[in-house]
Amino acid sequence: MIVFENVTVAYDRGAPALHSLDFEIKDGAAVGIIGANGAGKTTLFKALTGLLPFEGRITVNSVEVAKKNLPGIRKMLGYVMQNSDNQMFMPKVSDDMIFGPVNYGMSREEAGKRADEVLGKLNISYLRDRYNHKISGGEKRLAAIATVLAMEPEILLFDEPSSALDPKNRRMLINILNSLGETKLIASHDLDLVLDTCREVMLLNEGRLCAFGSAKEILTDKALLEANGLELPLRYQN
């Protein structure tokens, strides 16, 4: 479903933020993307969604990520950004949820019904008519996820989804992620969350792919994690 072939991204002629990445992610996969700060996790998402120029080749469902194909590519991808304020820009949660589907040609009535279905599925219907500037950071994070799901993308990209969540909402998020059958890429410093939601893990360090395989094997390999600036998930720490 997603293929990176020798993909490199460089900012301002500096050292590459992604360096010659080659990998394939299959349909229905749940992949955690981990790495220390500056490893390239967000850059990978931005290249995949066509928000950054890159060298090499990226395809989504055999469609190349190129300027002429971006409308179709972005319809397939649902990107939950690290900062929810960059995503929730309408006055109310319901306004944000209706905005995307209506822009794709859906009637407001049908878009409203879809919004209600998604909010109900996530058990956050109470947020429907709340103003974005009057809800907590954690509630805004869940609302941003609902907004993306309302678009019915085939592939979901989550950038630090558990940030700003209290323990109760974090548990809710884990349940939500595990209930979604779409292909999922979850970039996170929360290795326990990755362990709970992903079958595979991609480990990045300074833009290079250092490991890609079983989530449990990689996330219990203390030497590998420490060599790449990470620690074991909390449940495996003494």
C-alpha atoms as a PDB file:
ATOM      1  CA  MET A   1       0.000   0.000   0.000  1.00  0.00           C
ATOM      2  CA  ILE A   2       2.810   2.444   0.890  1.00  0.00           C
ATOM      3  CA  VAL A   3       6.236   2.119  -0.716  1.00  0.00           C
ATOM      4  CA  PHE A   4       9.294   4.327  -0.143  1.00  0.00           C
ATOM      5  CA  GLU A   5      12.131   3.860  -2.638  1.00  0.00           C
ATOM      6  CA  ASN A   6      15.442   5.572  -1.862  1.00  0.00           C
ATOM      7  CA  VAL A   7      13.649   8.579  -0.343  1.00  0.00           C
ATOM      8  CA  THR A   8      15.769  11.471   0.911  1.00  0.00           C
ATOM      9  CA  VAL A   9      14.591  14.795   2.373  1.00  0.00           C
ATOM     10  CA  ALA A  10      17.000  17.645   3.114  1.00  0.00           C
ATOM     11  CA  TYR A  11      16.248  21.024   4.683  1.00  0.00           C
ATOM     12  CA  ASP A  12      18.134  24.101   3.458  1.00  0.00           C
ATOM     13  CA  ARG A  13      21.039  22.115   2.021  1.00  0.00           C
ATOM     14  CA  GLY A  14      21.851  20.686   5.446  1.00  0.00           C
ATOM     15  CA  ALA A  15      22.235  17.069   6.471  1.00  0.00           C
ATOM     16  CA  PRO A  16      19.305  14.957   5.226  1.00  0.00           C
ATOM     17  CA  ALA A  17      16.321  14.734   7.588  1.00  0.00           C
ATOM     18  CA  LEU A  18      15.523  11.428   5.852  1.00  0.00           C
ATOM     19  CA  HIS A  19      18.304   9.466   4.247  1.00  0.00           C
ATOM     20  CA  SER A  20      17.703   6.892   1.460  1.00  0.00           C
ATOM     21  CA  LEU A  21      14.646   5.250   3.044  1.00  0.00           C
ATOM     22  CA  ASP A  22      13.440   1.988   1.516  1.00  0.00           C
ATOM     23  CA  PHE A  23      10.452   0.166   2.979  1.00  0.00           C
ATOM     24  CA  GLU A  24       6.979  -1.182   2.229  1.00  0.00           C
ATOM     25  CA  ILE A  25       3.882  -1.051   4.431  1.00  0.00           C
ATOM     26  CA  LYS A  26       1.120  -3.477   3.548  1.00  0.00           C
ATOM     27  CA  ASP A  27      -2.636  -2.974   3.560  1.00  0.00           C
ATOM     28  CA  GLY A  28      -4.114  -3.261   7.053  1.00  0.00           C
ATOM     29  CA  ALA A  29      -0.780  -2.887   8.847  1.00  0.00           C
ATOM     30  CA  ALA A  30      -0.426  -1.094  12.185  1.00  0.00           C
ATOM     31  CA  VAL A  31       3.090   0.360  12.295  1.00  0.00           C
ATOM     32  CA  GLY A  32       4.647   2.413  15.055  1.00  0.00           C
ATOM     33  CA  ILE A  33       7.306   4.918  14.012  1.00  0.00           C
ATOM     34  CA  ILE A  34       9.729   5.597  16.842  1.00  0.00           C
ATOM     35  CA  GLY A  35      12.938   7.520  17.342  1.00  0.00           C
ATOM     36  CA  ALA A  36      14.488  10.265  19.434  1.00  0.00           C
ATOM     37  CA  ASN A  37      13.757  13.940  18.750  1.00  0.00           C
ATOM     38  CA  GLY A  38      14.910  14.841  15.262  1.00  0.00           C
ATOM     39  CA  ALA A  39      14.864  11.237  14.040  1.00  0.00           C
ATOM     40  CA  GLY A  40      12.624  12.136  11.081  1.00  0.00           C
ATOM     41  CA  LYS A  41       9.191  10.884  12.155  1.00  0.00           C
ATOM     42  CA  THR A  42       7.202  14.015  11.269  1.00  0.00           C
ATOM     43  CA  THR A  43       9.322  14.582   8.159  1.00  0.00           C
ATOM     44  CA  LEU A  44       8.353  11.113   6.936  1.00  0.00           C
ATOM     45  CA  PHE A  45       4.662  11.984   7.271  1.00  0.00           C
ATOM     46  CA  LYS A  46       5.104  15.316   5.517  1.00  0.00           C
ATOM     47  CA  ALA A  47       6.916  13.675   2.603  1.00  0.00           C
ATOM     48  CA  LEU A  48       4.228  11.001   2.359  1.00  0.00           C
ATOM     49  CA  THR A  49       1.461  13.619   2.187  1.00  0.00           C
ATOM     50  CA  GLY A  50       3.337  15.769  -0.328  1.00  0.00           C
ATOM     51  CA  LEU A  51       3.973  18.612   2.110  1.00  0.00           C
ATOM     52  CA  LEU A  52       7.738  18.447   1.607  1.00  0.00           C
ATOM     53  CA  PRO A  53       9.847  17.959  -1.514  1.00  0.00           C
ATOM     54  CA  PHE A  54      11.900  14.781  -1.602  1.00  0.00           C
ATOM     55  CA  GLU A  55      14.227  12.768  -3.790  1.00  0.00           C
ATOM     56  CA  GLY A  56      13.359   9.184  -4.650  1.00  0.00           C
ATOM     57  CA  ARG A  57       9.902   7.696  -5.113  1.00  0.00           C
ATOM     58  CA  ILE A  58       6.870   7.271  -2.850  1.00  0.00           C
ATOM     59  CA  THR A  59       3.707   5.481  -3.903  1.00  0.00           C
ATOM     60  CA  VAL A  60       0.357   5.006  -2.167  1.00  0.00           C
ATOM     61  CA  ASN A  61      -1.802   2.252  -3.656  1.00  0.00           C
ATOM     62  CA  SER A  62       0.542   2.340  -6.670  1.00  0.00           C
ATOM     63  CA  VAL A  63      -0.131   6.072  -7.177  1.00  0.00           C
ATOM     64  CA  GLU A  64       3.031   8.157  -7.125  1.00  0.00           C
ATOM     65  CA  VAL A  65       3.238  11.037  -4.647  1.00  0.00           C
ATOM     66  CA  ALA A  66       3.673  13.853  -7.154  1.00  0.00           C
ATOM     67  CA  LYS A  67       2.089  17.283  -7.570  1.00  0.00           C
ATOM     68  CA  LYS A  68      -0.445  16.176 -10.172  1.00  0.00           C
ATOM     69  CA  ASN A  69      -1.647  13.317  -7.954  1.00  0.00           C
ATOM     70  CA  LEU A  70      -1.806  15.112  -4.591  1.00  0.00           C
ATOM     71  CA  PRO A  71      -5.619  15.594  -4.443  1.00  0.00           C
ATOM     72  CA  GLY A  72      -6.125  11.847  -4.835  1.00  0.00           C
ATOM     73  CA  ILE A  73      -3.242  10.972  -2.501  1.00  0.00           C
ATOM     74  CA  ARG A  74      -4.555  13.229   0.248  1.00  0.00           C
ATOM     75  CA  LYS A  75      -8.030  11.746  -0.095  1.00  0.00           C
ATOM     76  CA  MET A  76      -6.526   8.337   0.708  1.00  0.00           C
ATOM     77  CA  LEU A  77      -4.525   9.636   3.685  1.00  0.00           C
ATOM     78  CA  GLY A  78      -5.899  10.948   6.963  1.00  0.00           C
ATOM     79  CA  TYR A  79      -3.240  12.936   8.834  1.00  0.00           C
ATOM     80  CA  VAL A  80      -3.765  13.706  12.527  1.00  0.00           C
ATOM     81  CA  MET A  81      -1.167  16.377  13.188  1.00  0.00           C
ATOM     82  CA  GLN A  82       0.933  16.737  16.322  1.00  0.00           C
ATOM     83  CA  ASN A  83      -0.571  20.156  17.080  1.00  0.00           C
ATOM     84  CA  SER A  84      -4.364  19.960  17.028  1.00  0.00           C
ATOM     85  CA  ASP A  85      -4.601  23.767  16.719  1.00  0.00           C
ATOM     86  CA  ASN A  86      -3.188  23.392  13.191  1.00  0.00           C
ATOM     87  CA  GLN A  87      -6.077  21.094  12.323  1.00  0.00           C
ATOM     88  CA  MET A  88      -9.074  22.482  14.211  1.00  0.00           C
ATOM     89  CA  PHE A  89      -9.606  25.903  12.656  1.00  0.00           C
ATOM     90  CA  MET A  90     -13.409  26.291  12.555  1.00  0.00           C
ATOM     91  CA  PRO A  91     -15.468  27.711  15.457  1.00  0.00           C
ATOM     92  CA  LYS A  92     -17.072  24.423  16.555  1.00  0.00           C
ATOM     93  CA  VAL A  93     -16.058  20.766  16.468  1.00  0.00           C
ATOM     94  CA  SER A  94     -19.044  19.975  14.215  1.00  0.00           C
ATOM     95  CA  ASP A  95     -17.999  22.701  11.766  1.00  0.00           C
ATOM     96  CA  ASP A  96     -14.552  21.117  11.396  1.00  0.00           C
ATOM     97  CA  MET A  97     -16.031  17.643  10.922  1.00  0.00           C
ATOM     98  CA  ILE A  98     -18.421  18.788   8.195  1.00  0.00           C
ATOM     99  CA  PHE A  99     -15.915  21.015   6.370  1.00  0.00           C
ATOM    100  CA  GLY A 100     -13.861  18.268   4.682  1.00  0.00           C
ATOM    101  CA  PRO A 101     -16.689  15.993   3.476  1.00  0.00           C
ATOM    102  CA  VAL A 102     -18.637  18.986   2.118  1.00  0.00           C
ATOM    103  CA  ASN A 103     -15.543  20.123   0.189  1.00  0.00           C
ATOM    104  CA  TYR A 104     -15.447  16.663  -1.382  1.00  0.00           C
ATOM    105  CA  GLY A 105     -19.013  17.133  -2.639  1.00  0.00           C
ATOM    106  CA  MET A 106     -21.107  15.627   0.158  1.00  0.00           C
ATOM    107  CA  SER A 107     -24.300  17.418   1.193  1.00  0.00           C
ATOM    108  CA  ARG A 108     -24.259  19.166   4.571  1.00  0.00           C
ATOM    109  CA  GLU A 109     -27.023  16.855   5.786  1.00  0.00           C
ATOM    110  CA  GLU A 110     -25.090  13.717   4.873  1.00  0.00           C
ATOM    111  CA  ALA A 111     -21.846  15.174   6.277  1.00  0.00           C
ATOM    112  CA  GLY A 112     -23.655  15.956   9.520  1.00  0.00           C
ATOM    113  CA  LYS A 113     -24.904  12.381   9.767  1.00  0.00           C
ATOM    114  CA  ARG A 114     -21.381  11.067   9.198  1.00  0.00           C
ATOM    115  CA  ALA A 115     -20.037  13.407  11.880  1.00  0.00           C
ATOM    116  CA  ASP A 116     -22.636  12.109  14.335  1.00  0.00           C
ATOM    117  CA  GLU A 117     -21.717   8.495  13.525  1.00  0.00           C
ATOM    118  CA  VAL A 118     -17.999   9.083  14.073  1.00  0.00           C
ATOM    119  CA  LEU A 119     -18.500  11.006  17.308  1.00  0.00           C
ATOM    120  CA  GLY A 120     -20.770   8.241  18.572  1.00  0.00           C
ATOM    121  CA  LYS A 121     -18.261   5.564  17.641  1.00  0.00           C
ATOM    122  CA  LEU A 122     -15.573   7.404  19.609  1.00  0.00           C
ATOM    123  CA  ASN A 123     -17.916   8.068  22.556  1.00  0.00           C
ATOM    124  CA  ILE A 124     -17.367  11.817  22.311  1.00  0.00           C
ATOM    125  CA  SER A 125     -20.769  12.968  21.010  1.00  0.00           C
ATOM    126  CA  TYR A 126     -20.803  15.558  23.796  1.00  0.00           C
ATOM    127  CA  LEU A 127     -18.121  17.501  21.905  1.00  0.00           C
ATOM    128  CA  ARG A 128     -20.232  17.975  18.772  1.00  0.00           C
ATOM    129  CA  ASP A 129     -21.425  21.531  19.413  1.00  0.00           C
ATOM    130  CA  ARG A 130     -18.582  22.648  21.653  1.00  0.00           C
ATOM    131  CA  TYR A 131     -16.410  25.591  20.634  1.00  0.00           C
ATOM    132  CA  ASN A 132     -12.842  24.594  19.830  1.00  0.00           C
ATOM    133  CA  HIS A 133     -11.372  27.351  21.990  1.00  0.00           C
ATOM    134  CA  LYS A 134     -13.370  26.144  25.003  1.00  0.00           C
ATOM    135  CA  ILE A 135     -12.348  22.491  25.096  1.00  0.00           C
ATOM    136  CA  SER A 136      -9.252  21.015  26.727  1.00  0.00           C
ATOM    137  CA  GLY A 137      -6.138  19.990  24.827  1.00  0.00           C
ATOM    138  CA  GLY A 138      -7.030  16.331  25.288  1.00  0.00           C
ATOM    139  CA  GLU A 139     -10.592  16.838  24.039  1.00  0.00           C
ATOM    140  CA  LYS A 140      -9.277  18.769  21.049  1.00  0.00           C
ATOM    141  CA  ARG A 141      -6.929  15.870  20.271  1.00  0.00           C
ATOM    142  CA  LEU A 142      -9.860  13.410  20.229  1.00  0.00           C
ATOM    143  CA  ALA A 143     -11.937  15.846  18.166  1.00  0.00           C
ATOM    144  CA  ALA A 144      -9.088  16.157  15.633  1.00  0.00           C
ATOM    145  CA  ILE A 145      -9.052  12.370  15.266  1.00  0.00           C
ATOM    146  CA  ALA A 146     -12.820  12.396  14.742  1.00  0.00           C
ATOM    147  CA  THR A 147     -12.452  15.098  12.082  1.00  0.00           C
ATOM    148  CA  VAL A 148      -9.998  12.934  10.127  1.00  0.00           C
ATOM    149  CA  LEU A 149     -12.134   9.799  10.477  1.00  0.00           C
ATOM    150  CA  ALA A 150     -15.135  11.685   9.073  1.00  0.00           C
ATOM    151  CA  MET A 151     -13.204  11.886   5.792  1.00  0.00           C
ATOM    152  CA  GLU A 152     -13.114   8.057   5.639  1.00  0.00           C
ATOM    153  CA  PRO A 153      -9.456   7.771   4.544  1.00  0.00           C
ATOM    154  CA  GLU A 154      -7.919   4.403   3.714  1.00  0.00           C
ATOM    155  CA  ILE A 155      -4.709   5.133   5.634  1.00  0.00           C
ATOM    156  CA  LEU A 156      -4.390   6.929   8.971  1.00  0.00           C
ATOM    157  CA  LEU A 157      -1.297   8.854  10.070  1.00  0.00           C
ATOM    158  CA  PHE A 158      -1.049   9.794  13.749  1.00  0.00           C
ATOM    159  CA  ASP A 159       1.716  12.162  14.884  1.00  0.00           C
ATOM    160  CA  GLU A 160       2.165  11.940  18.687  1.00  0.00           C
ATOM    161  CA  PRO A 161      -1.529  11.100  19.251  1.00  0.00           C
ATOM    162  CA  SER A 162      -1.260  10.703  23.042  1.00  0.00           C
ATOM    163  CA  SER A 163       0.248  14.146  23.680  1.00  0.00           C
ATOM    164  CA  ALA A 164      -1.920  16.316  25.979  1.00  0.00           C
ATOM    165  CA  LEU A 165      -4.035  13.333  27.041  1.00  0.00           C
ATOM    166  CA  ASP A 166      -4.698  12.457  30.668  1.00  0.00           C
ATOM    167  CA  PRO A 167      -4.626   8.750  31.654  1.00  0.00           C
ATOM    168  CA  LYS A 168      -8.379   8.268  31.065  1.00  0.00           C
ATOM    169  CA  ASN A 169      -8.327   9.805  27.593  1.00  0.00           C
ATOM    170  CA  ARG A 170      -5.102   7.974  26.775  1.00  0.00           C
ATOM    171  CA  ARG A 171      -6.827   4.659  27.506  1.00  0.00           C
ATOM    172  CA  MET A 172      -9.749   5.791  25.357  1.00  0.00           C
ATOM    173  CA  LEU A 173      -7.319   6.634  22.548  1.00  0.00           C
ATOM    174  CA  ILE A 174      -5.735   3.176  22.712  1.00  0.00           C
ATOM    175  CA  ASN A 175      -9.182   1.582  22.447  1.00  0.00           C
ATOM    176  CA  ILE A 176     -10.021   3.837  19.495  1.00  0.00           C
ATOM    177  CA  LEU A 177      -6.795   3.014  17.661  1.00  0.00           C
ATOM    178  CA  ASN A 178      -7.299  -0.708  18.180  1.00  0.00           C
ATOM    179  CA  SER A 179     -10.865  -0.504  16.897  1.00  0.00           C
ATOM    180  CA  LEU A 180      -9.823   0.992  13.555  1.00  0.00           C
ATOM    181  CA  GLY A 181      -9.325  -1.474  10.725  1.00  0.00           C
ATOM    182  CA  GLU A 182      -7.607   0.976   8.392  1.00  0.00           C
ATOM    183  CA  THR A 183      -3.870   0.917   7.779  1.00  0.00           C
ATOM    184  CA  LYS A 184      -2.280   2.926  10.610  1.00  0.00           C
ATOM    185  CA  LEU A 185       1.082   4.645  11.026  1.00  0.00           C
ATOM    186  CA  ILE A 186       1.594   5.951  14.564  1.00  0.00           C
ATOM    187  CA  ALA A 187       4.603   8.175  15.260  1.00  0.00           C
ATOM    188  CA  SER A 188       5.122   8.483  19.002  1.00  0.00           C
ATOM    189  CA  HIS A 189       7.536   8.841  21.890  1.00  0.00           C
ATOM    190  CA  ASP A 190       4.983   6.911  23.963  1.00  0.00           C
ATOM    191  CA  LEU A 191       6.474   3.453  23.488  1.00  0.00           C
ATOM    192  CA  ASP A 192       3.908   1.806  25.744  1.00  0.00           C
ATOM    193  CA  LEU A 193       1.134   3.137  23.514  1.00  0.00           C
ATOM    194  CA  VAL A 194       2.986   1.877  20.432  1.00  0.00           C
ATOM    195  CA  LEU A 195       3.318  -1.541  22.054  1.00  0.00           C
ATOM    196  CA  ASP A 196      -0.430  -1.580  22.793  1.00  0.00           C
ATOM    197  CA  THR A 197      -1.532  -0.530  19.298  1.00  0.00           C
ATOM    198  CA  CYS A 198       1.051  -1.653  16.721  1.00  0.00           C
ATOM    199  CA  ARG A 199       2.115  -5.028  15.382  1.00  0.00           C
ATOM    200  CA  GLU A 200       5.252  -3.653  13.721  1.00  0.00           C
ATOM    201  CA  VAL A 201       7.723  -0.898  14.527  1.00  0.00           C
ATOM    202  CA  MET A 202       9.978   1.261  12.378  1.00  0.00           C
ATOM    203  CA  LEU A 203      12.959   2.700  14.262  1.00  0.00           C
ATOM    204  CA  LEU A 204      14.528   5.878  12.874  1.00  0.00           C
ATOM    205  CA  ASN A 205      17.748   7.583  13.929  1.00  0.00           C
ATOM    206  CA  GLU A 206      18.928  10.804  12.295  1.00  0.00           C
ATOM    207  CA  GLY A 207      16.777  10.094   9.264  1.00  0.00           C
ATOM    208  CA  ARG A 208      17.997   6.534   8.740  1.00  0.00           C
ATOM    209  CA  LEU A 209      15.946   3.368   9.069  1.00  0.00           C
ATOM    210  CA  CYS A 210      17.687   1.319  11.763  1.00  0.00           C
ATOM    211  CA  ALA A 211      15.136  -1.455  12.305  1.00  0.00           C
ATOM    212  CA  PHE A 212      11.745  -2.529  10.960  1.00  0.00           C
ATOM    213  CA  GLY A 213      10.013  -5.573  12.366  1.00  0.00           C
ATOM    214  CA  SER A 214       7.984  -7.057  15.211  1.00  0.00           C
ATOM    215  CA  ALA A 215       6.887  -4.414  17.721  1.00  0.00           C
ATOM    216  CA  LYS A 216       7.491  -6.698  20.692  1.00  0.00           C
ATOM    217  CA  GLU A 217      10.952  -7.751  19.519  1.00  0.00           C
ATOM    218  CA  ILE A 218      12.152  -4.206  18.859  1.00  0.00           C
ATOM    219  CA  LEU A 219      10.552  -2.652  21.929  1.00  0.00           C
ATOM    220  CA  THR A 220      12.068  -5.222  24.273  1.00  0.00           C
ATOM    221  CA  ASP A 221      15.571  -4.917  22.795  1.00  0.00           C
ATOM    222  CA  LYS A 222      17.219  -2.688  25.394  1.00  0.00           C
ATOM    223  CA  ALA A 223      20.577  -2.494  23.604  1.00  0.00           C
ATOM    224  CA  LEU A 224      18.981  -1.526  20.279  1.00  0.00           C
ATOM    225  CA  LEU A 225      16.788   1.150  21.842  1.00  0.00           C
ATOM    226  CA  GLU A 226      19.587   2.663  23.931  1.00  0.00           C
ATOM    227  CA  ALA A 227      21.912   2.727  20.920  1.00  0.00           C
ATOM    228  CA  ASN A 228      19.299   4.906  19.210  1.00  0.00           C
ATOM    229  CA  GLY A 229      18.607   7.287  22.100  1.00  0.00           C
ATOM    230  CA  LEU A 230      15.537   5.540  23.508  1.00  0.00           C
ATOM    231  CA  GLU A 231      14.615   3.627  26.657  1.00  0.00           C
ATOM    232  CA  LEU A 232      12.544   0.518  27.159  1.00  0.00           C
ATOM    233  CA  PRO A 233       8.769   1.000  27.510  1.00  0.00           C
ATOM    234  CA  LEU A 234       7.855   1.645  31.145  1.00  0.00           C
ATOM    235  CA  ARG A 235       6.348  -1.816  31.613  1.00  0.00           C
ATOM    236  CA  TYR A 236       9.729  -3.409  30.882  1.00  0.00           C
ATOM    237  CA  GLN A 237      11.793  -1.121  33.091  1.00  0.00           C
ATOM    238  CA  ASN A 238      12.866  -2.466  36.489  1.00  0.00           C
END
